[in-house]
Amino acid sequence: MKLYDRKIFEKYADAFEALAEYDRTGRLTKLSYKKRIDITIDAALLRKLKEYCRKHNLKLSQVIEKQIKGIVAS
């Protein structure tokens, strides 16, 4: 009988690392960090993007993050 499944460790590696850090330090770290960046885009495009987000009740950063994930995944 196996006490653990390697696939679970691989799937939740970040969570296990955070728990190991908690064991070492007594402090639990965030599992996911967000980073602020500065970008430069065309003013008209930004206006249209903000309007799109307002109409669809979306956050601008989430729309951009979703698109970047799609680009990076392919």
N, C-alpha and C. Protein backbone atom coordinates (compact mmCIF):
# COMPACT_ATOMS: atom_id res chain seq x y z
N MET A 1 0.84 -1.18 0.00
CA MET A 1 0.00 0.00 0.00
C MET A 1 0.88 1.25 0.00
N LYS A 2 0.63 2.16 -0.92
CA LYS A 2 1.39 3.39 -1.02
C LYS A 2 0.83 4.41 -0.03
N LEU A 3 1.72 5.11 0.65
CA LEU A 3 1.29 6.15 1.58
C LEU A 3 1.01 7.47 0.88
N TYR A 4 1.53 7.64 -0.34
CA TYR A 4 1.34 8.89 -1.07
C TYR A 4 1.31 8.60 -2.57
N ASP A 5 0.80 9.52 -3.30
CA ASP A 5 0.73 9.42 -4.75
C ASP A 5 1.56 10.56 -5.34
N ARG A 6 2.57 10.25 -6.11
CA ARG A 6 3.47 11.25 -6.67
C ARG A 6 2.72 12.28 -7.53
N LYS A 7 1.65 11.85 -8.18
CA LYS A 7 0.88 12.78 -9.03
C LYS A 7 0.29 13.92 -8.19
N ILE A 8 -0.14 13.60 -6.98
CA ILE A 8 -0.70 14.63 -6.11
C ILE A 8 0.38 15.64 -5.73
N PHE A 9 1.59 15.14 -5.43
CA PHE A 9 2.70 16.04 -5.10
C PHE A 9 3.04 16.95 -6.27
N GLU A 10 3.02 16.39 -7.47
CA GLU A 10 3.34 17.19 -8.65
C GLU A 10 2.25 18.23 -8.93
N LYS A 11 0.99 17.83 -8.76
CA LYS A 11 -0.13 18.73 -9.05
C LYS A 11 -0.20 19.89 -8.07
N TYR A 12 0.08 19.61 -6.80
CA TYR A 12 -0.02 20.63 -5.75
C TYR A 12 1.34 20.98 -5.16
N ALA A 13 2.35 21.04 -5.99
CA ALA A 13 3.72 21.30 -5.51
C ALA A 13 3.80 22.63 -4.76
N ASP A 14 3.14 23.66 -5.24
CA ASP A 14 3.18 24.96 -4.57
C ASP A 14 2.59 24.89 -3.16
N ALA A 15 1.50 24.16 -3.01
CA ALA A 15 0.86 24.04 -1.71
C ALA A 15 1.75 23.27 -0.73
N PHE A 16 2.37 22.19 -1.21
CA PHE A 16 3.26 21.42 -0.34
C PHE A 16 4.49 22.23 0.06
N GLU A 17 4.99 23.04 -0.86
CA GLU A 17 6.14 23.90 -0.55
C GLU A 17 5.75 24.94 0.50
N ALA A 18 4.56 25.49 0.38
CA ALA A 18 4.08 26.46 1.37
C ALA A 18 3.94 25.81 2.75
N LEU A 19 3.45 24.58 2.80
CA LEU A 19 3.34 23.87 4.07
C LEU A 19 4.70 23.55 4.67
N ALA A 20 5.67 23.21 3.82
CA ALA A 20 7.03 22.96 4.30
C ALA A 20 7.63 24.24 4.87
N GLU A 21 7.37 25.35 4.22
CA GLU A 21 7.85 26.65 4.72
C GLU A 21 7.19 26.97 6.06
N TYR A 22 5.92 26.62 6.21
CA TYR A 22 5.23 26.83 7.48
C TYR A 22 5.87 26.00 8.60
N ASP A 23 6.23 24.77 8.27
CA ASP A 23 6.91 23.92 9.26
C ASP A 23 8.24 24.52 9.69
N ARG A 24 8.97 25.09 8.74
CA ARG A 24 10.29 25.67 9.04
C ARG A 24 10.19 26.98 9.81
N THR A 25 9.26 27.85 9.41
CA THR A 25 9.25 29.22 9.95
C THR A 25 8.06 29.53 10.86
N GLY A 26 7.01 28.73 10.77
CA GLY A 26 5.81 29.04 11.54
C GLY A 26 4.93 30.08 10.88
N ARG A 27 5.28 30.49 9.67
CA ARG A 27 4.49 31.48 8.92
C ARG A 27 4.05 30.86 7.60
N LEU A 28 2.81 31.07 7.25
CA LEU A 28 2.27 30.55 6.00
C LEU A 28 2.36 31.63 4.94
N THR A 29 3.02 31.33 3.83
CA THR A 29 3.17 32.29 2.74
C THR A 29 1.99 32.17 1.78
N LYS A 30 1.82 33.17 0.96
CA LYS A 30 0.78 33.13 -0.06
C LYS A 30 1.15 32.08 -1.10
N LEU A 31 0.14 31.42 -1.64
CA LEU A 31 0.39 30.42 -2.67
C LEU A 31 0.54 31.07 -4.05
N SER A 32 -0.05 32.21 -4.21
CA SER A 32 0.03 32.87 -5.51
C SER A 32 0.29 34.36 -5.30
N TYR A 33 1.24 34.88 -5.99
CA TYR A 33 1.58 36.29 -5.89
C TYR A 33 1.23 37.00 -7.18
N LYS A 34 0.77 38.20 -7.03
CA LYS A 34 0.53 39.06 -8.19
C LYS A 34 1.62 40.10 -8.23
N LYS A 35 2.00 40.50 -9.41
CA LYS A 35 3.07 41.47 -9.59
C LYS A 35 2.54 42.62 -10.42
N ARG A 36 2.80 43.83 -10.00
CA ARG A 36 2.37 45.02 -10.73
C ARG A 36 3.40 45.32 -11.82
N ILE A 37 2.90 45.66 -13.02
CA ILE A 37 3.79 46.00 -14.13
C ILE A 37 3.32 47.30 -14.77
N ASP A 38 4.20 47.94 -15.48
CA ASP A 38 3.86 49.13 -16.26
C ASP A 38 3.96 48.76 -17.73
N ILE A 39 2.93 49.11 -18.49
CA ILE A 39 2.94 48.85 -19.93
C ILE A 39 2.53 50.13 -20.65
N THR A 40 2.87 50.20 -21.91
CA THR A 40 2.49 51.34 -22.74
C THR A 40 1.69 50.81 -23.92
N ILE A 41 0.45 51.31 -24.05
CA ILE A 41 -0.39 50.94 -25.19
C ILE A 41 -1.05 52.19 -25.74
N ASP A 42 -1.59 52.06 -26.92
CA ASP A 42 -2.27 53.17 -27.59
C ASP A 42 -3.45 53.67 -26.75
N ALA A 43 -3.60 54.97 -26.62
CA ALA A 43 -4.65 55.56 -25.79
C ALA A 43 -6.04 55.17 -26.26
N ALA A 44 -6.26 55.13 -27.57
CA ALA A 44 -7.58 54.77 -28.10
C ALA A 44 -7.90 53.31 -27.77
N LEU A 45 -6.90 52.45 -27.87
CA LEU A 45 -7.10 51.04 -27.53
C LEU A 45 -7.43 50.87 -26.05
N LEU A 46 -6.76 51.61 -25.21
CA LEU A 46 -7.02 51.55 -23.77
C LEU A 46 -8.44 52.02 -23.47
N ARG A 47 -8.89 53.06 -24.13
CA ARG A 47 -10.24 53.56 -23.94
C ARG A 47 -11.27 52.49 -24.30
N LYS A 48 -11.06 51.84 -25.46
CA LYS A 48 -11.98 50.78 -25.90
C LYS A 48 -11.96 49.59 -24.94
N LEU A 49 -10.78 49.25 -24.46
CA LEU A 49 -10.64 48.13 -23.55
C LEU A 49 -11.35 48.41 -22.21
N LYS A 50 -11.18 49.62 -21.70
CA LYS A 50 -11.87 50.00 -20.46
C LYS A 50 -13.38 49.98 -20.64
N GLU A 51 -13.85 50.46 -21.78
CA GLU A 51 -15.29 50.46 -22.06
C GLU A 51 -15.81 49.02 -22.15
N TYR A 52 -15.06 48.16 -22.80
CA TYR A 52 -15.43 46.74 -22.89
C TYR A 52 -15.55 46.12 -21.49
N CYS A 53 -14.59 46.42 -20.64
CA CYS A 53 -14.59 45.88 -19.27
C CYS A 53 -15.78 46.41 -18.48
N ARG A 54 -16.10 47.67 -18.66
CA ARG A 54 -17.26 48.26 -17.96
C ARG A 54 -18.56 47.58 -18.42
N LYS A 55 -18.72 47.41 -19.74
CA LYS A 55 -19.94 46.82 -20.27
C LYS A 55 -20.13 45.38 -19.80
N HIS A 56 -19.03 44.64 -19.69
CA HIS A 56 -19.11 43.23 -19.33
C HIS A 56 -18.80 42.96 -17.85
N ASN A 57 -18.68 44.04 -17.07
CA ASN A 57 -18.43 43.93 -15.64
C ASN A 57 -17.19 43.06 -15.33
N LEU A 58 -16.09 43.40 -16.00
CA LEU A 58 -14.83 42.68 -15.84
C LEU A 58 -13.76 43.61 -15.31
N LYS A 59 -12.75 43.02 -14.70
CA LYS A 59 -11.59 43.80 -14.27
C LYS A 59 -10.58 43.80 -15.42
N LEU A 60 -10.03 44.97 -15.68
CA LEU A 60 -9.08 45.12 -16.78
C LEU A 60 -7.90 44.17 -16.62
N SER A 61 -7.35 44.08 -15.42
CA SER A 61 -6.18 43.23 -15.20
C SER A 61 -6.50 41.76 -15.44
N GLN A 62 -7.72 41.32 -15.10
CA GLN A 62 -8.08 39.92 -15.32
C GLN A 62 -8.23 39.61 -16.80
N VAL A 63 -8.74 40.56 -17.57
CA VAL A 63 -8.87 40.37 -19.02
C VAL A 63 -7.48 40.22 -19.64
N ILE A 64 -6.57 41.11 -19.26
CA ILE A 64 -5.21 41.06 -19.79
C ILE A 64 -4.51 39.78 -19.37
N GLU A 65 -4.65 39.40 -18.08
CA GLU A 65 -4.01 38.18 -17.58
C GLU A 65 -4.51 36.95 -18.33
N LYS A 66 -5.82 36.87 -18.58
CA LYS A 66 -6.39 35.73 -19.30
C LYS A 66 -5.83 35.64 -20.71
N GLN A 67 -5.70 36.78 -21.38
CA GLN A 67 -5.16 36.78 -22.75
C GLN A 67 -3.69 36.36 -22.76
N ILE A 68 -2.93 36.83 -21.80
CA ILE A 68 -1.50 36.47 -21.73
C ILE A 68 -1.36 34.97 -21.46
N LYS A 69 -2.18 34.42 -20.57
CA LYS A 69 -2.14 32.98 -20.30
C LYS A 69 -2.42 32.19 -21.57
N GLY A 70 -3.38 32.66 -22.37
CA GLY A 70 -3.69 32.00 -23.64
C GLY A 70 -2.53 32.02 -24.60
N ILE A 71 -1.82 33.12 -24.65
CA ILE A 71 -0.67 33.25 -25.54
C ILE A 71 0.47 32.35 -25.07
N VAL A 72 0.75 32.38 -23.79
CA VAL A 72 1.87 31.61 -23.24
C VAL A 72 1.60 30.12 -23.32
N ALA A 73 0.34 29.70 -23.14
CA ALA A 73 0.00 28.27 -23.14
C ALA A 73 0.16 27.65 -24.52
N SER A 74 0.02 28.42 -25.57
CA SER A 74 0.10 27.86 -26.92
C SER A 74 1.50 27.78 -27.44
